[in-house]
Amino acid sequence: MITVHNNNEKTVIPLNTELFEWVIENICKNAVDAIGTEGKIEVKVESSIKSIIIDIKDTGKGIAKSDFKTVFSPGYTTKNRGWGLGLSLVKRIIEQYHKGKVFVKQSEIGVGTTFRIVLKK
């Protein structure tokens, strides 16, 4: 199940639509892999005075705190058939092309993970 929450406020920010869609798709696909056949994915979009905050939360396997930064390194993967490039490209697209930030907001093994994207208005 995927749920999207927002505060019903229209905010327009400059971004490369194709690249940004790929970022969201990649994080959500990773979440789907993490939750398996059961679990939830929740997407929350908030607007502050200076930024847009997007939280993507899953009830999957979780990430060890020691790996919070490592998951964005090229070659990092927990999948048997993965190249480990997805999250490194996510980080590059958000930080270099959109001047934003992406990070693991919180995670607990066996409970789930929340990725946060922050984009300046």
C-alpha atoms as a PDB file:
ATOM      1  CA  MET A   1       0.000   0.000   0.000  1.00  0.00           C
ATOM      2  CA  ILE A   2       1.301   3.464  -0.843  1.00  0.00           C
ATOM      3  CA  THR A   3      -0.161   6.513   0.874  1.00  0.00           C
ATOM      4  CA  VAL A   4       0.701  10.107  -0.074  1.00  0.00           C
ATOM      5  CA  HIS A   5       0.049  12.939   2.382  1.00  0.00           C
ATOM      6  CA  ASN A   6       0.471  16.634   1.722  1.00  0.00           C
ATOM      7  CA  ASN A   7      -0.839  19.857   3.182  1.00  0.00           C
ATOM      8  CA  ASN A   8      -2.911  20.771   0.080  1.00  0.00           C
ATOM      9  CA  GLU A   9      -0.753  23.778  -0.640  1.00  0.00           C
ATOM     10  CA  LYS A  10       0.377  24.457  -4.188  1.00  0.00           C
ATOM     11  CA  THR A  11       4.074  25.147  -4.370  1.00  0.00           C
ATOM     12  CA  VAL A  12       6.081  25.296  -7.572  1.00  0.00           C
ATOM     13  CA  ILE A  13       9.807  24.632  -7.473  1.00  0.00           C
ATOM     14  CA  PRO A  14      12.186  24.329 -10.420  1.00  0.00           C
ATOM     15  CA  LEU A  15      13.273  20.764 -11.075  1.00  0.00           C
ATOM     16  CA  ASN A  16      14.079  18.325 -13.815  1.00  0.00           C
ATOM     17  CA  THR A  17      10.848  16.332 -13.886  1.00  0.00           C
ATOM     18  CA  GLU A  18      12.291  13.190 -15.480  1.00  0.00           C
ATOM     19  CA  LEU A  19      15.220  12.988 -13.082  1.00  0.00           C
ATOM     20  CA  PHE A  20      13.076  13.746 -10.051  1.00  0.00           C
ATOM     21  CA  GLU A  21      10.506  11.107 -11.045  1.00  0.00           C
ATOM     22  CA  TRP A  22      13.348   8.604 -11.329  1.00  0.00           C
ATOM     23  CA  VAL A  23      14.546   9.536  -7.803  1.00  0.00           C
ATOM     24  CA  ILE A  24      11.110   8.916  -6.297  1.00  0.00           C
ATOM     25  CA  GLU A  25      10.691   5.720  -8.313  1.00  0.00           C
ATOM     26  CA  ASN A  26      14.075   4.387  -7.181  1.00  0.00           C
ATOM     27  CA  ILE A  27      13.461   5.044  -3.486  1.00  0.00           C
ATOM     28  CA  CYS A  28       9.955   3.544  -3.731  1.00  0.00           C
ATOM     29  CA  LYS A  29      11.222   0.446  -5.588  1.00  0.00           C
ATOM     30  CA  ASN A  30      13.813  -0.070  -2.858  1.00  0.00           C
ATOM     31  CA  ALA A  31      11.024   0.277  -0.289  1.00  0.00           C
ATOM     32  CA  VAL A  32       8.909  -2.309  -2.138  1.00  0.00           C
ATOM     33  CA  ASP A  33      11.871  -4.706  -2.064  1.00  0.00           C
ATOM     34  CA  ALA A  34      12.357  -4.031   1.657  1.00  0.00           C
ATOM     35  CA  ILE A  35       8.732  -4.664   2.662  1.00  0.00           C
ATOM     36  CA  GLY A  36       8.310  -7.847   0.640  1.00  0.00           C
ATOM     37  CA  THR A  37       4.735  -9.076   0.265  1.00  0.00           C
ATOM     38  CA  GLU A  38       3.496  -7.339   3.398  1.00  0.00           C
ATOM     39  CA  GLY A  39       4.119  -3.874   4.700  1.00  0.00           C
ATOM     40  CA  LYS A  40       3.400  -0.267   3.928  1.00  0.00           C
ATOM     41  CA  ILE A  41       5.005   2.653   2.157  1.00  0.00           C
ATOM     42  CA  GLU A  42       4.009   6.169   3.126  1.00  0.00           C
ATOM     43  CA  VAL A  43       4.960   9.337   1.251  1.00  0.00           C
ATOM     44  CA  LYS A  44       4.565  12.621   3.099  1.00  0.00           C
ATOM     45  CA  VAL A  45       5.096  16.028   1.471  1.00  0.00           C
ATOM     46  CA  GLU A  46       5.372  19.146   3.612  1.00  0.00           C
ATOM     47  CA  SER A  47       6.083  22.750   2.798  1.00  0.00           C
ATOM     48  CA  SER A  48       7.986  25.106   5.067  1.00  0.00           C
ATOM     49  CA  ILE A  49       8.886  28.733   4.464  1.00  0.00           C
ATOM     50  CA  LYS A  50      12.146  27.872   2.697  1.00  0.00           C
ATOM     51  CA  SER A  51      11.771  24.281   1.527  1.00  0.00           C
ATOM     52  CA  ILE A  52       9.733  21.288   0.448  1.00  0.00           C
ATOM     53  CA  ILE A  53      10.256  18.178   2.576  1.00  0.00           C
ATOM     54  CA  ILE A  54       9.450  14.730   1.201  1.00  0.00           C
ATOM     55  CA  ASP A  55       9.554  11.726   3.534  1.00  0.00           C
ATOM     56  CA  ILE A  56       9.329   8.219   2.092  1.00  0.00           C
ATOM     57  CA  LYS A  57       8.753   5.735   4.899  1.00  0.00           C
ATOM     58  CA  ASP A  58       8.515   1.951   4.703  1.00  0.00           C
ATOM     59  CA  THR A  59       7.884  -0.845   7.181  1.00  0.00           C
ATOM     60  CA  GLY A  60      10.655  -2.990   5.718  1.00  0.00           C
ATOM     61  CA  LYS A  61      13.896  -4.570   6.901  1.00  0.00           C
ATOM     62  CA  GLY A  62      15.541  -1.368   8.085  1.00  0.00           C
ATOM     63  CA  ILE A  63      19.101  -0.099   7.750  1.00  0.00           C
ATOM     64  CA  ALA A  64      21.805  -0.269  10.418  1.00  0.00           C
ATOM     65  CA  LYS A  65      22.749   3.178  11.724  1.00  0.00           C
ATOM     66  CA  SER A  66      26.352   2.542  10.667  1.00  0.00           C
ATOM     67  CA  ASP A  67      25.138   2.274   7.042  1.00  0.00           C
ATOM     68  CA  PHE A  68      23.112   5.522   6.928  1.00  0.00           C
ATOM     69  CA  LYS A  69      25.766   7.263   4.785  1.00  0.00           C
ATOM     70  CA  THR A  70      27.169   4.118   3.166  1.00  0.00           C
ATOM     71  CA  VAL A  71      23.873   3.350   1.384  1.00  0.00           C
ATOM     72  CA  PHE A  72      24.571   6.322  -0.908  1.00  0.00           C
ATOM     73  CA  SER A  73      28.015   5.033  -1.939  1.00  0.00           C
ATOM     74  CA  PRO A  74      28.418   3.562  -5.436  1.00  0.00           C
ATOM     75  CA  GLY A  75      28.460  -0.219  -5.236  1.00  0.00           C
ATOM     76  CA  TYR A  76      26.517  -0.497  -1.967  1.00  0.00           C
ATOM     77  CA  THR A  77      23.763  -3.087  -2.303  1.00  0.00           C
ATOM     78  CA  THR A  78      21.896  -5.620  -0.213  1.00  0.00           C
ATOM     79  CA  LYS A  79      20.423  -7.310  -3.288  1.00  0.00           C
ATOM     80  CA  ASN A  80      21.770 -10.438  -4.970  1.00  0.00           C
ATOM     81  CA  ARG A  81      21.259  -8.945  -8.421  1.00  0.00           C
ATOM     82  CA  GLY A  82      21.957  -5.279  -7.769  1.00  0.00           C
ATOM     83  CA  TRP A  83      24.723  -2.994  -8.982  1.00  0.00           C
ATOM     84  CA  GLY A  84      24.485  -0.629  -6.034  1.00  0.00           C
ATOM     85  CA  LEU A  85      24.087   2.471  -8.173  1.00  0.00           C
ATOM     86  CA  GLY A  86      20.503   3.534  -7.434  1.00  0.00           C
ATOM     87  CA  LEU A  87      20.925   5.504  -4.223  1.00  0.00           C
ATOM     88  CA  SER A  88      24.265   6.970  -5.297  1.00  0.00           C
ATOM     89  CA  LEU A  89      22.514   8.394  -8.371  1.00  0.00           C
ATOM     90  CA  VAL A  90      19.582   9.546  -6.204  1.00  0.00           C
ATOM     91  CA  LYS A  91      22.025  11.525  -4.067  1.00  0.00           C
ATOM     92  CA  ARG A  92      23.794  13.001  -7.086  1.00  0.00           C
ATOM     93  CA  ILE A  93      20.524  14.023  -8.770  1.00  0.00           C
ATOM     94  CA  ILE A  94      19.118  15.661  -5.637  1.00  0.00           C
ATOM     95  CA  GLU A  95      22.320  17.393  -4.527  1.00  0.00           C
ATOM     96  CA  GLN A  96      23.948  18.381  -7.822  1.00  0.00           C
ATOM     97  CA  TYR A  97      20.979  18.938 -10.124  1.00  0.00           C
ATOM     98  CA  HIS A  98      18.429  20.206  -7.612  1.00  0.00           C
ATOM     99  CA  LYS A  99      20.675  21.748  -4.910  1.00  0.00           C
ATOM    100  CA  GLY A 100      18.809  19.738  -2.270  1.00  0.00           C
ATOM    101  CA  LYS A 101      19.614  17.115   0.325  1.00  0.00           C
ATOM    102  CA  VAL A 102      18.707  13.443   0.670  1.00  0.00           C
ATOM    103  CA  PHE A 103      19.460  11.302   3.703  1.00  0.00           C
ATOM    104  CA  VAL A 104      18.222   8.494   5.919  1.00  0.00           C
ATOM    105  CA  LYS A 105      16.053  10.333   8.424  1.00  0.00           C
ATOM    106  CA  GLN A 106      15.552   7.274  10.601  1.00  0.00           C
ATOM    107  CA  SER A 107      15.719   3.522  10.413  1.00  0.00           C
ATOM    108  CA  GLU A 108      15.465   0.551  12.712  1.00  0.00           C
ATOM    109  CA  ILE A 109      16.273  -3.045  11.832  1.00  0.00           C
ATOM    110  CA  GLY A 110      13.046  -5.021  11.451  1.00  0.00           C
ATOM    111  CA  VAL A 111      10.880  -1.896  11.769  1.00  0.00           C
ATOM    112  CA  GLY A 112      11.524   0.223   8.679  1.00  0.00           C
ATOM    113  CA  THR A 113      13.242   3.219   7.146  1.00  0.00           C
ATOM    114  CA  THR A 114      12.446   6.828   6.314  1.00  0.00           C
ATOM    115  CA  PHE A 115      14.344   8.640   3.568  1.00  0.00           C
ATOM    116  CA  ARG A 116      14.054  12.438   3.541  1.00  0.00           C
ATOM    117  CA  ILE A 117      14.463  14.745   0.539  1.00  0.00           C
ATOM    118  CA  VAL A 118      14.714  18.486   1.172  1.00  0.00           C
ATOM    119  CA  LEU A 119      14.405  20.889  -1.767  1.00  0.00           C
ATOM    120  CA  LYS A 120      14.801  24.655  -1.531  1.00  0.00           C
ATOM    121  CA  LYS A 121      11.935  26.820  -2.780  1.00  0.00           C
END
